């Protein structure tokens, strides 16, 4: 993480290194105003996400026109920072992953996948539109390639998209299309916690 004390040093860095993914911008910079700097970033069509940091809540309304990702009060607790980072990760979550198979590397579009299922060494991708696609590989390779907190493994033969879960019982996971997948007893409490955390973050981002 790099730190810049004024507008000039920030823009020099952007010009030399390219747009940053995320900028934490203090509203009060002495002789300069962080909101004005953010407006300049937007006028230059910089793609960086912006999180404002300040001691005063009065600036929140003024900052909306630059579409900040979040607004943090310096007196706030660490969970607010975690919320900002989670929001950034959710917004920038990859939609495709690269997975190693017996035929080489393939790219998988996650947006249409409900769950992965393995039969012997065959991976079957079950799609939201009802289609199925299969290839040779391992669930481990897929799991390692997936974005964090996007899929869960309720049973040794399945990887399930959290977005497609409608409910959880002690013995299975219920999907949006009413398909039920087995849930191991040892994973019940853990997956409940993961799913409730996912729903909480999803509600916060709406």
Foldseek 3Di string as FASTA:
>chain_A
DDDDLDLVVVVVCCVVPNADQEDEFEQCSDVDGRLVSLVVCVVVPRPHAYEYEYQDPVCVVVNPVSPHLYYYHPPDDCVRVVLSVVSSCVVPADQWWWFQFPVGIDIDGNPFFFKWFDDPQKIWTQGNVGDIDIGGHAVVRVVVGHDPLQWDDQDRGMIGGLVQFDDDDQFWTQGPVRDTDGGDNVCRVVVVVSSVVVVVSVVVND
